[in-house]
Amino acid sequence: MFAPNNPASAYAQVGVETGVTAASPHKLILMLFDGAIMALGSATRHMAEKNIPAKGQDISKAIEIITNGLRVSLDLEAGGELAERLHALYDYMTIRLLHANLHNDPAAIEEVTRLLGELRSAWEEIAADPAVVSANRAAA
């Protein structure tokens, strides 16, 4: 959580919790993409600094977001072939990140970061579609 003696940390935690609570389903997915991308950026920095424990924690965080956030949010029945392909892509990303962690391979992290960025951009375009925004409001 946050350190009780650190007001800045407490403020940041409240901001994140408020953002999650107020976010639409599309915004939550964007937040998951952002969290994974940020964790991988941090992992790359830690890898360059040879800070192995921190690198491992950041890669594990990204894997957790991909596996238990993005992949779990897929509706394989309603999403059809697209959802199945995304499921397989998330599995591939996880395998690449495990490889990156074991072999200190920044190229594997860069590959997954690029893939996440492309998916995030596509998701952002979907979220900006007025028809999608209307459907989200109707469902809320």
C-alpha atoms as a PDB file:
ATOM      1  CA  MET A   1       0.000   0.000   0.000  1.00  0.00           C
ATOM      2  CA  PHE A   2       1.618   3.321   1.024  1.00  0.00           C
ATOM      3  CA  ALA A   3       3.812   4.523   3.836  1.00  0.00           C
ATOM      4  CA  PRO A   4       1.648   6.315   6.444  1.00  0.00           C
ATOM      5  CA  ASN A   5       4.394   8.876   7.038  1.00  0.00           C
ATOM      6  CA  ASN A   6       4.613   9.788   3.363  1.00  0.00           C
ATOM      7  CA  PRO A   7       1.799  12.186   2.414  1.00  0.00           C
ATOM      8  CA  ALA A   8       2.825  12.211  -1.265  1.00  0.00           C
ATOM      9  CA  SER A   9       2.529   8.431  -1.445  1.00  0.00           C
ATOM     10  CA  ALA A  10      -0.846   8.538   0.304  1.00  0.00           C
ATOM     11  CA  TYR A  11      -2.063  11.228  -2.124  1.00  0.00           C
ATOM     12  CA  ALA A  12      -0.898   9.211  -5.137  1.00  0.00           C
ATOM     13  CA  GLN A  13      -2.618   6.061  -3.825  1.00  0.00           C
ATOM     14  CA  VAL A  14      -5.903   7.916  -3.334  1.00  0.00           C
ATOM     15  CA  GLY A  15      -5.583   9.340  -6.858  1.00  0.00           C
ATOM     16  CA  VAL A  16      -5.111   5.882  -8.356  1.00  0.00           C
ATOM     17  CA  GLU A  17      -7.997   4.406  -6.361  1.00  0.00           C
ATOM     18  CA  THR A  18     -10.282   7.292  -7.357  1.00  0.00           C
ATOM     19  CA  GLY A  19      -9.269   6.920 -11.011  1.00  0.00           C
ATOM     20  CA  VAL A  20     -10.050   3.208 -10.973  1.00  0.00           C
ATOM     21  CA  THR A  21     -13.388   3.700  -9.233  1.00  0.00           C
ATOM     22  CA  ALA A  22     -14.529   6.379 -11.682  1.00  0.00           C
ATOM     23  CA  ALA A  23     -13.180   4.719 -14.837  1.00  0.00           C
ATOM     24  CA  SER A  24     -15.267   3.167 -17.585  1.00  0.00           C
ATOM     25  CA  PRO A  25     -14.489  -0.418 -18.609  1.00  0.00           C
ATOM     26  CA  HIS A  26     -12.533   0.896 -21.611  1.00  0.00           C
ATOM     27  CA  LYS A  27     -10.546   3.271 -19.412  1.00  0.00           C
ATOM     28  CA  LEU A  28      -9.717   0.407 -17.034  1.00  0.00           C
ATOM     29  CA  ILE A  29      -8.239  -1.598 -19.914  1.00  0.00           C
ATOM     30  CA  LEU A  30      -6.186   1.445 -20.958  1.00  0.00           C
ATOM     31  CA  MET A  31      -4.942   1.711 -17.375  1.00  0.00           C
ATOM     32  CA  LEU A  32      -3.878  -1.947 -17.481  1.00  0.00           C
ATOM     33  CA  PHE A  33      -1.935  -1.350 -20.701  1.00  0.00           C
ATOM     34  CA  ASP A  34      -0.312   1.731 -19.152  1.00  0.00           C
ATOM     35  CA  GLY A  35       0.640  -0.157 -16.001  1.00  0.00           C
ATOM     36  CA  ALA A  36       2.253  -3.005 -17.937  1.00  0.00           C
ATOM     37  CA  ILE A  37       4.128  -0.610 -20.234  1.00  0.00           C
ATOM     38  CA  MET A  38       5.384   1.416 -17.265  1.00  0.00           C
ATOM     39  CA  ALA A  39       6.522  -1.740 -15.443  1.00  0.00           C
ATOM     40  CA  LEU A  40       8.441  -2.867 -18.529  1.00  0.00           C
ATOM     41  CA  GLY A  41      10.094   0.531 -18.892  1.00  0.00           C
ATOM     42  CA  SER A  42      11.213   0.269 -15.297  1.00  0.00           C
ATOM     43  CA  ALA A  43      12.395  -3.331 -15.859  1.00  0.00           C
ATOM     44  CA  THR A  44      14.512  -2.192 -18.803  1.00  0.00           C
ATOM     45  CA  ARG A  45      16.144   0.513 -16.675  1.00  0.00           C
ATOM     46  CA  HIS A  46      16.806  -1.948 -13.854  1.00  0.00           C
ATOM     47  CA  MET A  47      18.232  -4.465 -16.319  1.00  0.00           C
ATOM     48  CA  ALA A  48      20.657  -1.834 -17.637  1.00  0.00           C
ATOM     49  CA  GLU A  49      21.639  -0.971 -14.050  1.00  0.00           C
ATOM     50  CA  LYS A  50      22.100  -4.696 -13.290  1.00  0.00           C
ATOM     51  CA  ASN A  51      19.545  -4.422 -10.495  1.00  0.00           C
ATOM     52  CA  ILE A  52      18.324  -7.992 -10.913  1.00  0.00           C
ATOM     53  CA  PRO A  53      15.808  -8.117  -8.027  1.00  0.00           C
ATOM     54  CA  ALA A  54      14.055  -4.909  -9.135  1.00  0.00           C
ATOM     55  CA  LYS A  55      14.079  -6.063 -12.775  1.00  0.00           C
ATOM     56  CA  GLY A  56      12.445  -9.321 -11.752  1.00  0.00           C
ATOM     57  CA  GLN A  57       9.787  -7.535  -9.697  1.00  0.00           C
ATOM     58  CA  ASP A  58       8.915  -5.227 -12.582  1.00  0.00           C
ATOM     59  CA  ILE A  59       8.721  -8.050 -15.117  1.00  0.00           C
ATOM     60  CA  SER A  60       6.576 -10.040 -12.685  1.00  0.00           C
ATOM     61  CA  LYS A  61       4.283  -7.022 -12.294  1.00  0.00           C
ATOM     62  CA  ALA A  62       3.891  -6.746 -16.082  1.00  0.00           C
ATOM     63  CA  ILE A  63       3.175 -10.485 -16.361  1.00  0.00           C
ATOM     64  CA  GLU A  64       0.578 -10.196 -13.599  1.00  0.00           C
ATOM     65  CA  ILE A  65      -1.153  -7.321 -15.409  1.00  0.00           C
ATOM     66  CA  ILE A  66      -1.114  -9.158 -18.738  1.00  0.00           C
ATOM     67  CA  THR A  67      -2.235 -12.498 -17.291  1.00  0.00           C
ATOM     68  CA  ASN A  68      -4.673 -11.484 -14.561  1.00  0.00           C
ATOM     69  CA  GLY A  69      -5.830  -8.201 -16.030  1.00  0.00           C
ATOM     70  CA  LEU A  70      -5.804  -8.113 -19.798  1.00  0.00           C
ATOM     71  CA  ARG A  71      -6.125 -11.816 -20.584  1.00  0.00           C
ATOM     72  CA  VAL A  72      -8.734 -12.497 -17.903  1.00  0.00           C
ATOM     73  CA  SER A  73     -10.867  -9.597 -19.178  1.00  0.00           C
ATOM     74  CA  LEU A  74     -11.335 -11.315 -22.540  1.00  0.00           C
ATOM     75  CA  ASP A  75     -14.752 -12.818 -23.217  1.00  0.00           C
ATOM     76  CA  LEU A  76     -13.814 -15.785 -25.388  1.00  0.00           C
ATOM     77  CA  GLU A  77     -17.434 -16.626 -26.184  1.00  0.00           C
ATOM     78  CA  ALA A  78     -18.613 -13.161 -27.187  1.00  0.00           C
ATOM     79  CA  GLY A  79     -15.258 -12.080 -28.625  1.00  0.00           C
ATOM     80  CA  GLY A  80     -14.886 -14.997 -30.995  1.00  0.00           C
ATOM     81  CA  GLU A  81     -11.727 -15.304 -33.061  1.00  0.00           C
ATOM     82  CA  LEU A  82     -10.408 -11.881 -32.056  1.00  0.00           C
ATOM     83  CA  ALA A  83     -10.580 -12.748 -28.359  1.00  0.00           C
ATOM     84  CA  GLU A  84      -8.908 -16.101 -29.028  1.00  0.00           C
ATOM     85  CA  ARG A  85      -6.074 -14.388 -30.906  1.00  0.00           C
ATOM     86  CA  LEU A  86      -5.606 -11.834 -28.145  1.00  0.00           C
ATOM     87  CA  HIS A  87      -5.563 -14.652 -25.577  1.00  0.00           C
ATOM     88  CA  ALA A  88      -2.791 -16.377 -27.551  1.00  0.00           C
ATOM     89  CA  LEU A  89      -0.913 -13.081 -27.935  1.00  0.00           C
ATOM     90  CA  TYR A  90      -1.055 -12.442 -24.186  1.00  0.00           C
ATOM     91  CA  ASP A  91       0.294 -15.959 -23.608  1.00  0.00           C
ATOM     92  CA  TYR A  92       3.106 -15.236 -26.083  1.00  0.00           C
ATOM     93  CA  MET A  93       3.920 -11.978 -24.278  1.00  0.00           C
ATOM     94  CA  THR A  94       4.145 -13.830 -20.982  1.00  0.00           C
ATOM     95  CA  ILE A  95       6.532 -16.388 -22.474  1.00  0.00           C
ATOM     96  CA  ARG A  96       8.693 -13.606 -23.937  1.00  0.00           C
ATOM     97  CA  LEU A  97       8.827 -11.811 -20.591  1.00  0.00           C
ATOM     98  CA  LEU A  98       9.804 -14.994 -18.767  1.00  0.00           C
ATOM     99  CA  HIS A  99      12.581 -15.389 -21.338  1.00  0.00           C
ATOM    100  CA  ALA A 100      13.635 -11.753 -20.847  1.00  0.00           C
ATOM    101  CA  ASN A 101      13.802 -12.229 -17.105  1.00  0.00           C
ATOM    102  CA  LEU A 102      15.803 -15.457 -17.260  1.00  0.00           C
ATOM    103  CA  HIS A 103      18.224 -14.307 -19.956  1.00  0.00           C
ATOM    104  CA  ASN A 104      18.397 -10.537 -19.282  1.00  0.00           C
ATOM    105  CA  ASP A 105      17.152  -9.941 -22.820  1.00  0.00           C
ATOM    106  CA  PRO A 106      16.113  -6.304 -23.327  1.00  0.00           C
ATOM    107  CA  ALA A 107      14.997  -7.063 -26.905  1.00  0.00           C
ATOM    108  CA  ALA A 108      12.257  -9.359 -25.586  1.00  0.00           C
ATOM    109  CA  ILE A 109      11.036  -6.605 -23.248  1.00  0.00           C
ATOM    110  CA  GLU A 110      11.097  -4.113 -26.128  1.00  0.00           C
ATOM    111  CA  GLU A 111       9.082  -6.531 -28.285  1.00  0.00           C
ATOM    112  CA  VAL A 112       6.376  -6.940 -25.647  1.00  0.00           C
ATOM    113  CA  THR A 113       6.342  -3.197 -24.946  1.00  0.00           C
ATOM    114  CA  ARG A 114       5.823  -2.517 -28.666  1.00  0.00           C
ATOM    115  CA  LEU A 115       3.002  -5.075 -28.861  1.00  0.00           C
ATOM    116  CA  LEU A 116       1.302  -3.617 -25.793  1.00  0.00           C
ATOM    117  CA  GLY A 117       1.658  -0.115 -27.233  1.00  0.00           C
ATOM    118  CA  GLU A 118       0.028  -1.160 -30.504  1.00  0.00           C
ATOM    119  CA  LEU A 119      -2.842  -2.856 -28.685  1.00  0.00           C
ATOM    120  CA  ARG A 120      -3.229   0.160 -26.405  1.00  0.00           C
ATOM    121  CA  SER A 121      -3.457   2.493 -29.402  1.00  0.00           C
ATOM    122  CA  ALA A 122      -6.113   0.308 -31.017  1.00  0.00           C
ATOM    123  CA  TRP A 123      -8.054   0.121 -27.752  1.00  0.00           C
ATOM    124  CA  GLU A 124      -7.844   3.901 -27.359  1.00  0.00           C
ATOM    125  CA  GLU A 125      -9.320   4.345 -30.844  1.00  0.00           C
ATOM    126  CA  ILE A 126     -12.158   1.956 -29.978  1.00  0.00           C
ATOM    127  CA  ALA A 127     -12.820   3.856 -26.752  1.00  0.00           C
ATOM    128  CA  ALA A 128     -12.956   7.143 -28.693  1.00  0.00           C
ATOM    129  CA  ASP A 129     -15.677   5.791 -31.017  1.00  0.00           C
ATOM    130  CA  PRO A 130     -18.951   7.611 -30.133  1.00  0.00           C
ATOM    131  CA  ALA A 131     -20.971   4.391 -30.552  1.00  0.00           C
ATOM    132  CA  VAL A 132     -18.784   2.619 -27.994  1.00  0.00           C
ATOM    133  CA  VAL A 133     -19.025   5.554 -25.580  1.00  0.00           C
ATOM    134  CA  SER A 134     -22.847   5.479 -25.871  1.00  0.00           C
ATOM    135  CA  ALA A 135     -22.936   1.734 -25.247  1.00  0.00           C
ATOM    136  CA  ASN A 136     -20.743   2.153 -22.151  1.00  0.00           C
ATOM    137  CA  ARG A 137     -23.021   4.852 -20.780  1.00  0.00           C
ATOM    138  CA  ALA A 138     -26.083   2.726 -21.413  1.00  0.00           C
ATOM    139  CA  ALA A 139     -24.485  -0.239 -19.639  1.00  0.00           C
ATOM    140  CA  ALA A 140     -23.427   1.811 -16.611  1.00  0.00           C
END
